[in-house]
C-alpha atoms as a PDB file:
ATOM      1  CA  MET A   1     -50.670  -9.813  22.616  1.00  0.00           C
ATOM      2  CA  LYS A   2     -49.141  -6.457  23.461  1.00  0.00           C
ATOM      3  CA  LYS A   3     -46.670  -8.101  25.838  1.00  0.00           C
ATOM      4  CA  LEU A   4     -45.568 -10.528  23.133  1.00  0.00           C
ATOM      5  CA  TRP A   5     -44.833  -7.702  20.671  1.00  0.00           C
ATOM      6  CA  TRP A   6     -42.925  -5.830  23.357  1.00  0.00           C
ATOM      7  CA  LEU A   7     -40.660  -8.832  23.947  1.00  0.00           C
ATOM      8  CA  LEU A   8     -40.023  -9.247  20.240  1.00  0.00           C
ATOM      9  CA  LEU A   9     -39.056  -5.625  19.841  1.00  0.00           C
ATOM     10  CA  LEU A  10     -36.592  -5.925  22.675  1.00  0.00           C
ATOM     11  CA  ALA A  11     -35.024  -9.084  21.254  1.00  0.00           C
ATOM     12  CA  VAL A  12     -34.315  -7.800  17.726  1.00  0.00           C
ATOM     13  CA  PRO A  13     -31.852  -4.998  18.561  1.00  0.00           C
ATOM     14  CA  LEU A  14     -30.037  -7.144  21.127  1.00  0.00           C
ATOM     15  CA  LEU A  15     -29.318  -9.907  18.606  1.00  0.00           C
ATOM     16  CA  SER A  16     -28.357  -7.413  15.910  1.00  0.00           C
ATOM     17  CA  HIS A  17     -25.996  -5.574  18.225  1.00  0.00           C
ATOM     18  CA  GLU A  18     -24.283  -8.824  19.234  1.00  0.00           C
ATOM     19  CA  THR A  19     -23.436  -9.834  15.652  1.00  0.00           C
ATOM     20  CA  LEU A  20     -22.064  -6.413  14.650  1.00  0.00           C
ATOM     21  CA  THR A  21     -19.549  -5.811  17.444  1.00  0.00           C
ATOM     22  CA  THR A  22     -16.020  -7.156  17.877  1.00  0.00           C
ATOM     23  CA  THR A  23     -12.993  -6.417  19.999  1.00  0.00           C
ATOM     24  CA  VAL A  24     -10.655  -7.427  17.153  1.00  0.00           C
ATOM     25  CA  LEU A  25      -9.003  -4.409  15.528  1.00  0.00           C
ATOM     26  CA  PHE A  26      -7.031  -3.964  12.316  1.00  0.00           C
ATOM     27  CA  ASP A  27      -4.364  -1.854  14.043  1.00  0.00           C
ATOM     28  CA  ARG A  28      -3.774  -4.565  16.627  1.00  0.00           C
ATOM     29  CA  GLU A  29      -4.597  -8.200  15.795  1.00  0.00           C
ATOM     30  CA  ILE A  30      -5.152  -8.091  12.017  1.00  0.00           C
ATOM     31  CA  VAL A  31      -1.970  -6.245  11.071  1.00  0.00           C
ATOM     32  CA  ARG A  32       0.083  -8.800  13.026  1.00  0.00           C
ATOM     33  CA  ILE A  33      -1.559 -11.647  11.096  1.00  0.00           C
ATOM     34  CA  LEU A  34      -0.883  -9.871   7.793  1.00  0.00           C
ATOM     35  CA  ASP A  35       2.774  -9.371   8.725  1.00  0.00           C
ATOM     36  CA  LYS A  36       3.205 -13.010   9.746  1.00  0.00           C
ATOM     37  CA  HIS A  37       1.245 -14.815   7.025  1.00  0.00           C
ATOM     38  CA  CYS A  38       0.134 -12.583   4.145  1.00  0.00           C
ATOM     39  CA  VAL A  39       2.302  -9.703   2.927  1.00  0.00           C
ATOM     40  CA  MET A  40       5.002 -11.984   1.541  1.00  0.00           C
ATOM     41  CA  CYS A  41       2.504 -12.501  -1.313  1.00  0.00           C
ATOM     42  CA  HIS A  42      -0.045  -9.720  -0.800  1.00  0.00           C
ATOM     43  CA  ALA A  43       2.190  -6.670  -1.221  1.00  0.00           C
ATOM     44  CA  GLU A  44       2.958  -4.082  -3.873  1.00  0.00           C
ATOM     45  CA  GLY A  45       5.065  -5.957  -6.431  1.00  0.00           C
ATOM     46  CA  GLY A  46       3.940  -9.331  -5.063  1.00  0.00           C
ATOM     47  CA  PRO A  47       2.042 -12.134  -6.817  1.00  0.00           C
ATOM     48  CA  SER A  48      -1.384 -11.080  -5.524  1.00  0.00           C
ATOM     49  CA  PHE A  49      -3.387  -7.974  -4.565  1.00  0.00           C
ATOM     50  CA  PRO A  50      -1.823  -5.948  -1.723  1.00  0.00           C
ATOM     51  CA  LEU A  51      -3.028  -6.204   1.871  1.00  0.00           C
ATOM     52  CA  GLU A  52      -0.673  -3.750   3.505  1.00  0.00           C
ATOM     53  CA  THR A  53      -3.034  -0.959   4.557  1.00  0.00           C
ATOM     54  CA  PHE A  54      -6.369  -0.828   6.341  1.00  0.00           C
ATOM     55  CA  ASP A  55      -8.133   0.423   3.201  1.00  0.00           C
ATOM     56  CA  GLN A  56      -6.726  -2.382   1.030  1.00  0.00           C
ATOM     57  CA  THR A  57      -7.682  -5.033   3.569  1.00  0.00           C
ATOM     58  CA  TRP A  58     -11.136  -3.613   4.320  1.00  0.00           C
ATOM     59  CA  LEU A  59     -12.095  -3.681   0.638  1.00  0.00           C
ATOM     60  CA  LYS A  60     -11.134  -7.379   0.408  1.00  0.00           C
ATOM     61  CA  LYS A  61     -12.571  -8.434   3.775  1.00  0.00           C
ATOM     62  CA  ARG A  62     -15.372 -10.633   2.382  1.00  0.00           C
ATOM     63  CA  GLN A  63     -12.960 -12.491   0.134  1.00  0.00           C
ATOM     64  CA  ILE A  64     -10.545 -12.912   3.052  1.00  0.00           C
ATOM     65  CA  HIS A  65     -13.413 -14.240   5.179  1.00  0.00           C
ATOM     66  CA  ALA A  66     -14.363 -16.886   2.598  1.00  0.00           C
ATOM     67  CA  GLN A  67     -10.768 -17.999   1.967  1.00  0.00           C
ATOM     68  CA  THR A  68     -10.069 -18.256   5.700  1.00  0.00           C
ATOM     69  CA  ILE A  69     -13.113 -20.439   6.375  1.00  0.00           C
ATOM     70  CA  ALA A  70     -12.260 -22.694   3.398  1.00  0.00           C
ATOM     71  CA  ARG A  71      -8.584 -22.860   4.539  1.00  0.00           C
ATOM     72  CA  HIS A  72      -7.485 -21.963   1.000  1.00  0.00           C
ATOM     73  CA  MET A  73      -5.311 -19.102   2.166  1.00  0.00           C
ATOM     74  CA  PRO A  74      -2.543 -18.987   3.081  1.00  0.00           C
ATOM     75  CA  PRO A  75      -1.720 -21.853   0.659  1.00  0.00           C
ATOM     76  CA  TRP A  76      -0.627 -24.676   2.978  1.00  0.00           C
ATOM     77  CA  PRO A  77      -2.064 -28.165   2.268  1.00  0.00           C
ATOM     78  CA  ALA A  78      -0.844 -30.078   5.347  1.00  0.00           C
ATOM     79  CA  VAL A  79      -3.528 -31.150   7.824  1.00  0.00           C
ATOM     80  CA  PRO A  80      -2.779 -29.994  11.401  1.00  0.00           C
ATOM     81  CA  GLY A  81      -1.753 -32.710  13.837  1.00  0.00           C
ATOM     82  CA  TYR A  82       0.444 -34.728  11.477  1.00  0.00           C
ATOM     83  CA  GLY A  83       4.034 -33.500  11.645  1.00  0.00           C
ATOM     84  CA  GLN A  84       5.425 -30.214  12.931  1.00  0.00           C
ATOM     85  CA  PHE A  85       6.899 -28.133  10.098  1.00  0.00           C
ATOM     86  CA  ALA A  86       9.195 -25.107  10.244  1.00  0.00           C
ATOM     87  CA  ASN A  87       7.737 -23.652   7.044  1.00  0.00           C
ATOM     88  CA  ASP A  88       4.069 -24.053   8.059  1.00  0.00           C
ATOM     89  CA  ASN A  89       2.347 -20.800   7.065  1.00  0.00           C
ATOM     90  CA  SER A  90      -1.223 -21.760   7.969  1.00  0.00           C
ATOM     91  CA  LEU A  91      -3.331 -19.697  10.330  1.00  0.00           C
ATOM     92  CA  THR A  92      -3.753 -21.008  13.850  1.00  0.00           C
ATOM     93  CA  LEU A  93      -7.298 -21.537  15.126  1.00  0.00           C
ATOM     94  CA  ARG A  94      -7.011 -18.349  17.183  1.00  0.00           C
ATOM     95  CA  GLU A  95      -5.787 -16.346  14.180  1.00  0.00           C
ATOM     96  CA  SER A  96      -8.650 -17.683  12.046  1.00  0.00           C
ATOM     97  CA  GLN A  97     -11.116 -16.677  14.744  1.00  0.00           C
ATOM     98  CA  PHE A  98      -9.618 -13.172  14.830  1.00  0.00           C
ATOM     99  CA  VAL A  99     -10.035 -12.757  11.056  1.00  0.00           C
ATOM    100  CA  ILE A 100     -13.608 -14.083  11.032  1.00  0.00           C
ATOM    101  CA  SER A 101     -14.613 -11.941  14.018  1.00  0.00           C
ATOM    102  CA  TRP A 102     -13.070  -8.823  12.477  1.00  0.00           C
ATOM    103  CA  VAL A 103     -14.893  -9.241   9.175  1.00  0.00           C
ATOM    104  CA  GLU A 104     -18.227 -10.125  10.750  1.00  0.00           C
ATOM    105  CA  GLY A 105     -17.816  -7.153  13.095  1.00  0.00           C
ATOM    106  CA  LEU A 106     -17.588  -4.813  10.046  1.00  0.00           C
ATOM    107  CA  GLY A 107     -13.796  -4.495  10.135  1.00  0.00           C
ATOM    108  CA  PRO A 108     -12.992  -1.805  12.723  1.00  0.00           C
ATOM    109  CA  ARG A 109      -9.693  -0.021  12.316  1.00  0.00           C
ATOM    110  CA  ASN A 110      -8.935   0.850  15.928  1.00  0.00           C
ATOM    111  CA  SER A 111     -10.678   1.738  19.157  1.00  0.00           C
ATOM    112  CA  GLY A 112     -11.793   5.091  17.765  1.00  0.00           C
ATOM    113  CA  THR A 113      -9.105   7.182  19.433  1.00  0.00           C
ATOM    114  CA  VAL A 114      -7.062   7.421  16.219  1.00  0.00           C
ATOM    115  CA  PHE A 115      -8.635   8.511  12.920  1.00  0.00           C
ATOM    116  CA  LEU A 116      -6.276   8.691   9.970  1.00  0.00           C
ATOM    117  CA  ASN A 117      -8.625   9.318   7.049  1.00  0.00           C
ATOM    118  CA  VAL A 118      -8.140  13.074   7.078  1.00  0.00           C
ATOM    119  CA  THR A 119      -6.529  15.487   4.648  1.00  0.00           C
ATOM    120  CA  GLY A 120      -3.696  17.888   5.294  1.00  0.00           C
ATOM    121  CA  ALA A 121      -0.484  17.554   7.259  1.00  0.00           C
ATOM    122  CA  ASP A 122      -0.660  17.097  10.996  1.00  0.00           C
ATOM    123  CA  ALA A 123       2.594  16.592  12.884  1.00  0.00           C
ATOM    124  CA  ALA A 124       0.709  15.386  15.959  1.00  0.00           C
ATOM    125  CA  ARG A 125      -1.078  12.645  14.036  1.00  0.00           C
ATOM    126  CA  PRO A 126       0.432   9.182  14.696  1.00  0.00           C
ATOM    127  CA  ALA A 127       1.979   7.163  11.896  1.00  0.00           C
ATOM    128  CA  GLU A 128      -0.345   4.840  10.017  1.00  0.00           C
ATOM    129  CA  VAL A 129      -0.402   1.268  11.266  1.00  0.00           C
ATOM    130  CA  ARG A 130       0.181  -1.040   8.298  1.00  0.00           C
ATOM    131  CA  ALA A 131       1.709  -4.381   7.403  1.00  0.00           C
ATOM    132  CA  ARG A 132       5.275  -4.002   6.179  1.00  0.00           C
ATOM    133  CA  PRO A 133       6.926  -6.636   3.966  1.00  0.00           C
ATOM    134  CA  ASP A 134      10.705  -6.736   4.164  1.00  0.00           C
ATOM    135  CA  PHE A 135      11.878  -8.531   1.065  1.00  0.00           C
ATOM    136  CA  GLU A 136      15.524  -7.481   1.320  1.00  0.00           C
ATOM    137  CA  HIS A 137      16.082  -8.635   4.904  1.00  0.00           C
ATOM    138  CA  ARG A 138      17.946 -11.931   5.192  1.00  0.00           C
ATOM    139  CA  LYS A 139      16.518 -14.135   7.946  1.00  0.00           C
ATOM    140  CA  LEU A 140      19.812 -15.997   8.460  1.00  0.00           C
ATOM    141  CA  GLY A 141      22.015 -12.904   8.663  1.00  0.00           C
ATOM    142  CA  GLN A 142      24.906 -11.989   6.401  1.00  0.00           C
ATOM    143  CA  PRO A 143      25.838 -14.948   4.155  1.00  0.00           C
ATOM    144  CA  SER A 144      29.366 -16.229   3.670  1.00  0.00           C
ATOM    145  CA  GLU A 145      29.032 -15.326   0.005  1.00  0.00           C
ATOM    146  CA  ILE A 146      26.334 -14.239  -2.454  1.00  0.00           C
ATOM    147  CA  GLN A 147      25.964 -15.821  -5.885  1.00  0.00           C
ATOM    148  CA  LYS A 148      23.954 -14.184  -8.655  1.00  0.00           C
ATOM    149  CA  VAL A 149      21.759 -16.707 -10.444  1.00  0.00           C
ATOM    150  CA  PRO A 150      22.770 -16.513 -14.135  1.00  0.00           C
ATOM    151  CA  ALA A 151      20.349 -16.672 -17.053  1.00  0.00           C
ATOM    152  CA  THR A 152      21.394 -20.321 -17.553  1.00  0.00           C
ATOM    153  CA  PHE A 153      20.044 -21.118 -14.049  1.00  0.00           C
ATOM    154  CA  VAL A 154      23.241 -23.027 -13.234  1.00  0.00           C
ATOM    155  CA  ILE A 155      25.586 -21.545 -10.619  1.00  0.00           C
ATOM    156  CA  ASP A 156      29.275 -22.439 -10.948  1.00  0.00           C
ATOM    157  CA  LEU A 157      30.563 -22.202  -7.375  1.00  0.00           C
ATOM    158  CA  GLY A 158      34.208 -22.295  -8.469  1.00  0.00           C
ATOM    159  CA  LEU A 159      35.100 -24.808  -5.755  1.00  0.00           C
ATOM    160  CA  LYS A 160      38.671 -26.096  -5.935  1.00  0.00           C
ATOM    161  CA  SER A 161      37.968 -28.612  -3.182  1.00  0.00           C
ATOM    162  CA  ALA A 162      34.917 -30.008  -1.381  1.00  0.00           C
ATOM    163  CA  ARG A 163      33.059 -27.651   0.969  1.00  0.00           C
ATOM    164  CA  ARG A 164      30.208 -28.024   3.450  1.00  0.00           C
ATOM    165  CA  LEU A 165      27.061 -25.928   3.231  1.00  0.00           C
ATOM    166  CA  ARG A 166      24.931 -25.415   6.346  1.00  0.00           C
ATOM    167  CA  GLY A 167      22.256 -23.209   4.777  1.00  0.00           C
ATOM    168  CA  TRP A 168      21.144 -20.864   2.004  1.00  0.00           C
ATOM    169  CA  GLU A 169      18.717 -18.005   1.377  1.00  0.00           C
ATOM    170  CA  PHE A 170      17.287 -16.928  -1.973  1.00  0.00           C
ATOM    171  CA  LEU A 171      16.224 -13.370  -2.827  1.00  0.00           C
ATOM    172  CA  PRO A 172      14.350 -13.367  -6.180  1.00  0.00           C
ATOM    173  CA  ALA A 173      14.434 -10.371  -8.480  1.00  0.00           C
ATOM    174  CA  ASP A 174      10.821 -10.896  -9.590  1.00  0.00           C
ATOM    175  CA  ARG A 175       8.484 -11.746  -6.712  1.00  0.00           C
ATOM    176  CA  LYS A 176       5.382 -10.932  -8.717  1.00  0.00           C
ATOM    177  CA  ASN A 177       5.622 -13.879 -11.107  1.00  0.00           C
ATOM    178  CA  LEU A 178       7.814 -16.399  -9.231  1.00  0.00           C
ATOM    179  CA  GLN A 179       5.809 -19.159  -7.534  1.00  0.00           C
ATOM    180  CA  ALA A 180       8.522 -21.589  -6.454  1.00  0.00           C
ATOM    181  CA  ALA A 181      12.210 -22.417  -6.796  1.00  0.00           C
ATOM    182  CA  SER A 182      14.187 -25.587  -6.185  1.00  0.00           C
ATOM    183  CA  PHE A 183      17.955 -26.047  -5.739  1.00  0.00           C
ATOM    184  CA  GLN A 184      19.954 -29.170  -6.519  1.00  0.00           C
ATOM    185  CA  VAL A 185      23.642 -30.088  -6.716  1.00  0.00           C
ATOM    186  CA  ARG A 186      24.273 -31.111 -10.318  1.00  0.00           C
ATOM    187  CA  GLU A 187      27.191 -33.458  -9.605  1.00  0.00           C
ATOM    188  CA  THR A 188      25.462 -35.486  -6.868  1.00  0.00           C
ATOM    189  CA  GLY A 189      21.779 -34.937  -7.678  1.00  0.00           C
ATOM    190  CA  GLN A 190      21.156 -33.952  -4.049  1.00  0.00           C
ATOM    191  CA  TRP A 191      18.237 -31.620  -3.369  1.00  0.00           C
ATOM    192  CA  ILE A 192      19.329 -28.850  -1.004  1.00  0.00           C
ATOM    193  CA  GLY A 193      15.979 -27.135  -0.610  1.00  0.00           C
ATOM    194  CA  SER A 194      13.117 -25.195  -2.156  1.00  0.00           C
ATOM    195  CA  TRP A 195      11.983 -21.579  -2.012  1.00  0.00           C
ATOM    196  CA  THR A 196       8.383 -20.448  -1.564  1.00  0.00           C
ATOM    197  CA  PRO A 197       7.161 -16.858  -1.144  1.00  0.00           C
ATOM    198  CA  TRP A 198       6.588 -17.449   2.587  1.00  0.00           C
ATOM    199  CA  TYR A 199       9.768 -19.445   3.342  1.00  0.00           C
ATOM    200  CA  GLY A 200      12.808 -18.486   1.320  1.00  0.00           C
ATOM    201  CA  PHE A 201      15.702 -20.146   3.158  1.00  0.00           C
ATOM    202  CA  LEU A 202      16.940 -23.410   4.662  1.00  0.00           C
ATOM    203  CA  LYS A 203      19.126 -23.917   7.722  1.00  0.00           C
ATOM    204  CA  LEU A 204      20.154 -27.471   8.556  1.00  0.00           C
ATOM    205  CA  PRO A 205      19.741 -28.682  12.153  1.00  0.00           C
ATOM    206  CA  GLY A 206      22.642 -28.753  14.581  1.00  0.00           C
ATOM    207  CA  THR A 207      26.037 -29.105  12.955  1.00  0.00           C
ATOM    208  CA  ARG A 208      24.721 -30.862   9.846  1.00  0.00           C
ATOM    209  CA  ALA A 209      25.820 -29.700   6.392  1.00  0.00           C
ATOM    210  CA  PHE A 210      25.523 -30.644   2.730  1.00  0.00           C
ATOM    211  CA  VAL A 211      28.805 -31.816   1.186  1.00  0.00           C
ATOM    212  CA  LEU A 212      29.456 -30.114  -2.155  1.00  0.00           C
ATOM    213  CA  PRO A 213      32.279 -31.724  -4.166  1.00  0.00           C
ATOM    214  CA  ALA A 214      35.045 -29.851  -5.945  1.00  0.00           C
ATOM    215  CA  GLY A 215      33.752 -28.258  -9.133  1.00  0.00           C
ATOM    216  CA  ALA A 216      30.143 -28.380  -7.881  1.00  0.00           C
ATOM    217  CA  HIS A 217      27.310 -26.519  -9.599  1.00  0.00           C
ATOM    218  CA  ILE A 218      23.892 -25.628  -8.186  1.00  0.00           C
ATOM    219  CA  VAL A 219      21.013 -26.096 -10.605  1.00  0.00           C
ATOM    220  CA  VAL A 220      18.135 -23.655 -10.016  1.00  0.00           C
ATOM    221  CA  GLU A 221      14.645 -24.683 -11.156  1.00  0.00           C
ATOM    222  CA  LEU A 222      12.165 -21.782 -11.192  1.00  0.00           C
ATOM    223  CA  GLN A 223       8.402 -21.876 -11.639  1.00  0.00           C
ATOM    224  CA  TYR A 224       6.995 -18.631 -13.054  1.00  0.00           C
ATOM    225  CA  LYS A 225       3.508 -17.523 -14.011  1.00  0.00           C
ATOM    226  CA  GLY A 226       4.972 -15.631 -16.956  1.00  0.00           C
ATOM    227  CA  ALA A 227       8.266 -15.318 -18.807  1.00  0.00           C
ATOM    228  CA  ARG A 228      11.495 -15.922 -16.917  1.00  0.00           C
ATOM    229  CA  PRO A 229      13.478 -12.746 -16.242  1.00  0.00           C
ATOM    230  CA  ALA A 230      17.060 -12.287 -17.373  1.00  0.00           C
ATOM    231  CA  ASN A 231      18.041 -11.632 -13.733  1.00  0.00           C
ATOM    232  CA  PRO A 232      16.463 -14.370 -11.565  1.00  0.00           C
ATOM    233  CA  GLY A 233      17.936 -13.145  -8.259  1.00  0.00           C
ATOM    234  CA  SER A 234      20.708 -13.972  -5.783  1.00  0.00           C
ATOM    235  CA  LEU A 235      21.491 -16.973  -3.597  1.00  0.00           C
ATOM    236  CA  GLY A 236      23.189 -16.378  -0.255  1.00  0.00           C
ATOM    237  CA  LEU A 237      25.370 -19.298   0.868  1.00  0.00           C
ATOM    238  CA  TYR A 238      26.298 -20.098   4.462  1.00  0.00           C
ATOM    239  CA  TRP A 239      29.390 -22.296   4.605  1.00  0.00           C
ATOM    240  CA  ALA A 240      30.209 -24.635   7.488  1.00  0.00           C
ATOM    241  CA  ASP A 241      33.625 -25.775   8.693  1.00  0.00           C
ATOM    242  CA  ALA A 242      35.090 -29.159   7.829  1.00  0.00           C
ATOM    243  CA  SER A 243      34.127 -30.656  11.206  1.00  0.00           C
ATOM    244  CA  SER A 244      30.392 -30.412  10.438  1.00  0.00           C
ATOM    245  CA  ALA A 245      28.574 -33.739  10.108  1.00  0.00           C
ATOM    246  CA  ALA A 246      27.603 -34.617   6.550  1.00  0.00           C
ATOM    247  CA  MET A 247      24.013 -35.030   5.400  1.00  0.00           C
ATOM    248  CA  GLY A 248      23.155 -38.374   3.830  1.00  0.00           C
ATOM    249  CA  SER A 249      22.116 -38.868   0.236  1.00  0.00           C
ATOM    250  CA  ASP A 250      18.468 -38.280  -0.616  1.00  0.00           C
ATOM    251  CA  LEU A 251      16.006 -41.155  -0.405  1.00  0.00           C
ATOM    252  CA  THR A 252      13.558 -41.294  -3.294  1.00  0.00           C
ATOM    253  CA  LEU A 253      10.231 -43.123  -3.458  1.00  0.00           C
ATOM    254  CA  ILE A 254       8.671 -43.299  -6.932  1.00  0.00           C
ATOM    255  CA  ALA A 255       5.358 -44.718  -8.117  1.00  0.00           C
ATOM    256  CA  ALA A 256       4.330 -44.455 -11.763  1.00  0.00           C
ATOM    257  CA  ALA A 257       0.771 -43.624 -12.819  1.00  0.00           C
ATOM    258  CA  ALA A 258      -1.323 -46.614 -11.828  1.00  0.00           C
ATOM    259  CA  GLY A 259      -4.854 -45.435 -11.138  1.00  0.00           C
ATOM    260  CA  GLU A 260      -6.745 -43.402  -8.587  1.00  0.00           C
ATOM    261  CA  ARG A 261      -4.561 -44.689  -5.724  1.00  0.00           C
ATOM    262  CA  VAL A 262      -0.789 -44.954  -6.028  1.00  0.00           C
ATOM    263  CA  ARG A 263       1.653 -46.162  -3.387  1.00  0.00           C
ATOM    264  CA  ALA A 264       5.429 -46.305  -3.108  1.00  0.00           C
ATOM    265  CA  VAL A 265       7.346 -48.056  -0.304  1.00  0.00           C
ATOM    266  CA  MET A 266      10.958 -48.143   0.909  1.00  0.00           C
ATOM    267  CA  LYS A 267      12.534 -50.008   3.849  1.00  0.00           C
ATOM    268  CA  LEU A 268      15.300 -48.201   5.746  1.00  0.00           C
ATOM    269  CA  THR A 269      18.514 -50.219   6.020  1.00  0.00           C
ATOM    270  CA  ARG A 270      19.931 -48.110   8.878  1.00  0.00           C
ATOM    271  CA  GLN A 271      18.808 -45.611  11.505  1.00  0.00           C
ATOM    272  CA  THR A 272      17.658 -42.506   9.663  1.00  0.00           C
ATOM    273  CA  SER A 273      16.746 -38.961  10.700  1.00  0.00           C
ATOM    274  CA  VAL A 274      14.311 -37.297   8.299  1.00  0.00           C
ATOM    275  CA  VAL A 275      14.842 -33.545   7.832  1.00  0.00           C
ATOM    276  CA  ALA A 276      12.376 -32.714   5.033  1.00  0.00           C
ATOM    277  CA  LEU A 277       9.897 -34.216   2.580  1.00  0.00           C
ATOM    278  CA  ARG A 278       9.436 -33.020  -0.997  1.00  0.00           C
ATOM    279  CA  PRO A 279       6.488 -34.700  -2.750  1.00  0.00           C
ATOM    280  CA  GLU A 280       6.035 -34.195  -6.485  1.00  0.00           C
ATOM    281  CA  VAL A 281       2.532 -35.075  -7.635  1.00  0.00           C
ATOM    282  CA  GLU A 282       0.600 -34.636 -10.846  1.00  0.00           C
ATOM    283  CA  ALA A 283      -2.433 -32.416 -11.346  1.00  0.00           C
ATOM    284  CA  GLY A 284      -5.626 -33.796  -9.853  1.00  0.00           C
ATOM    285  CA  ALA A 285      -4.128 -35.139  -6.614  1.00  0.00           C
ATOM    286  CA  LYS A 286      -6.763 -35.154  -3.866  1.00  0.00           C
ATOM    287  CA  SER A 287      -4.577 -36.177  -0.930  1.00  0.00           C
ATOM    288  CA  ILE A 288      -1.114 -37.409  -0.003  1.00  0.00           C
ATOM    289  CA  GLU A 289      -0.029 -39.352   3.060  1.00  0.00           C
ATOM    290  CA  VAL A 290       3.518 -40.175   4.141  1.00  0.00           C
ATOM    291  CA  SER A 291       3.871 -42.668   6.988  1.00  0.00           C
ATOM    292  CA  ALA A 292       6.516 -44.744   8.740  1.00  0.00           C
ATOM    293  CA  ARG A 293       5.823 -48.280   9.994  1.00  0.00           C
ATOM    294  CA  LYS A 294       8.442 -49.200  12.606  1.00  0.00           C
ATOM    295  CA  PRO A 295       9.789 -52.719  13.252  1.00  0.00           C
ATOM    296  CA  ASP A 296       7.667 -52.962  16.435  1.00  0.00           C
ATOM    297  CA  GLY A 297       4.522 -52.592  14.289  1.00  0.00           C
ATOM    298  CA  SER A 298       3.647 -49.046  15.314  1.00  0.00           C
ATOM    299  CA  THR A 299       2.908 -46.486  12.592  1.00  0.00           C
ATOM    300  CA  GLU A 300       3.585 -42.732  12.569  1.00  0.00           C
ATOM    301  CA  VAL A 301       2.007 -40.415  10.004  1.00  0.00           C
ATOM    302  CA  LEU A 302       4.652 -37.885   8.940  1.00  0.00           C
ATOM    303  CA  LEU A 303       2.457 -35.911   6.557  1.00  0.00           C
ATOM    304  CA  LEU A 304      -1.181 -35.741   5.563  1.00  0.00           C
ATOM    305  CA  ALA A 305      -1.996 -33.127   2.934  1.00  0.00           C
ATOM    306  CA  ARG A 306      -5.186 -32.364   1.046  1.00  0.00           C
ATOM    307  CA  GLU A 307      -5.269 -31.148  -2.548  1.00  0.00           C
ATOM    308  CA  PRO A 308      -1.556 -30.273  -2.864  1.00  0.00           C
ATOM    309  CA  SER A 309      -1.224 -27.350  -5.234  1.00  0.00           C
ATOM    310  CA  LYS A 310       0.708 -27.467  -8.509  1.00  0.00           C
ATOM    311  CA  GLU A 311       0.552 -23.672  -8.499  1.00  0.00           C
ATOM    312  CA  TRP A 312       2.229 -23.342  -5.086  1.00  0.00           C
ATOM    313  CA  PRO A 313       4.431 -26.451  -4.643  1.00  0.00           C
ATOM    314  CA  THR A 314       6.107 -26.624  -1.261  1.00  0.00           C
ATOM    315  CA  PRO A 315       8.448 -28.947   0.634  1.00  0.00           C
ATOM    316  CA  PHE A 316       7.678 -29.890   4.228  1.00  0.00           C
ATOM    317  CA  VAL A 317      10.630 -29.051   6.481  1.00  0.00           C
ATOM    318  CA  PHE A 318      10.433 -30.555   9.960  1.00  0.00           C
ATOM    319  CA  GLN A 319      10.941 -28.291  12.965  1.00  0.00           C
ATOM    320  CA  ALA A 320      13.195 -31.033  14.348  1.00  0.00           C
ATOM    321  CA  PRO A 321      14.474 -34.159  12.543  1.00  0.00           C
ATOM    322  CA  VAL A 322      12.326 -37.273  12.995  1.00  0.00           C
ATOM    323  CA  THR A 323      14.443 -40.386  13.680  1.00  0.00           C
ATOM    324  CA  PHE A 324      13.514 -43.982  12.780  1.00  0.00           C
ATOM    325  CA  PRO A 325      15.360 -47.272  13.397  1.00  0.00           C
ATOM    326  CA  ALA A 326      16.635 -49.595  10.705  1.00  0.00           C
ATOM    327  CA  GLY A 327      13.875 -51.760   9.303  1.00  0.00           C
ATOM    328  CA  THR A 328      11.311 -48.950   9.313  1.00  0.00           C
ATOM    329  CA  GLU A 329       9.110 -48.936   6.218  1.00  0.00           C
ATOM    330  CA  LEU A 330       8.468 -45.513   4.668  1.00  0.00           C
ATOM    331  CA  SER A 331       5.436 -45.277   2.419  1.00  0.00           C
ATOM    332  CA  VAL A 332       3.692 -42.574   0.408  1.00  0.00           C
ATOM    333  CA  VAL A 333       0.089 -42.900  -0.785  1.00  0.00           C
ATOM    334  CA  VAL A 334      -1.583 -40.456  -3.178  1.00  0.00           C
ATOM    335  CA  HIS A 335      -5.258 -40.405  -4.148  1.00  0.00           C
ATOM    336  CA  TYR A 336      -6.166 -38.896  -7.534  1.00  0.00           C
ATOM    337  CA  ALA A 337      -9.433 -37.835  -9.082  1.00  0.00           C
ATOM    338  CA  ARG A 338      -8.478 -39.991 -12.093  1.00  0.00           C
ATOM    339  CA  SER A 339      -4.955 -41.415 -12.149  1.00  0.00           C
ATOM    340  CA  GLY A 340      -1.407 -40.234 -11.550  1.00  0.00           C
ATOM    341  CA  GLY A 341       1.974 -40.967 -10.020  1.00  0.00           C
ATOM    342  CA  VAL A 342       4.221 -39.637  -7.260  1.00  0.00           C
ATOM    343  CA  ARG A 343       7.850 -38.939  -6.529  1.00  0.00           C
ATOM    344  CA  LEU A 344       8.887 -38.295  -2.920  1.00  0.00           C
ATOM    345  CA  THR A 345      12.331 -36.947  -2.043  1.00  0.00           C
ATOM    346  CA  VAL A 346      13.377 -37.509   1.590  1.00  0.00           C
ATOM    347  CA  SER A 347      16.213 -35.338   2.891  1.00  0.00           C
ATOM    348  CA  GLN A 348      17.903 -37.326   5.661  1.00  0.00           C
ATOM    349  CA  TYR A 349      21.022 -38.136   7.654  1.00  0.00           C
END
């Protein structure tokens, strides 16, 4: 009996020690994840509580742990393995493992060689490692021109003749309350992209460009948690030369409310390259699937998303255009808890 107790006493501290240690550090792995996926929302002046410093993150570590396991944060509804998207902000499996290991290992700051929680000035003390949002930096460089979004949310471009637009980038004035923005050419109805806190620009592939007619206006639709500000922000425009290839008109699939499962179908009359998908669903949507059935009978799933959020609506911008031959059948299927409809905008050329 004494030998049995001796073995038990040896086993307890070994198991306890194993669950409380981790090689993942805030100053190394975690701050990189925050910079890449989190501080665009979780920053001072952002829509949610800040996660810039070690102290801020450590205090929220249990909440971060739960949201990471549930895949609720960052807010990205697409299921991995169906489509490759440029604006995908989800954590990779490795990043998720880093976060979980760090929290379960009691959230170490660094290897112990640097201790910053001290008072008084110390010139020899290294600078604090922290996540640093950069809201004023334009990812696409200096735009051809910058347009202030007026209080009417309609931008008069003052175009005397048609011009070609290869990209845009939106800098909102109020990041705390803005959840999403969408941009459309009033004269043609063409959608030219959507802004989300984690992906605030659009650059068309290759030499492609949107054609904006003379006298064109850009209509800006903004989704706020609170009142709309008088100064919505600025839109940087990146013009292309006249030799750029024109984007095609949007394809739209619409299904009215018809029950718990709704489906809309469209057959392509010519070869088509799909650049982006923008589904618009009603509250209560459980899943959405966009697929393409080719003339040879094979089917490719372009998008599978679970519980798309009305709070954080997002388009799905492909890393590279997906091309289908004429005769391909595009379909969108949405499952609802009760009933609903769907509208799918397909940006293509």
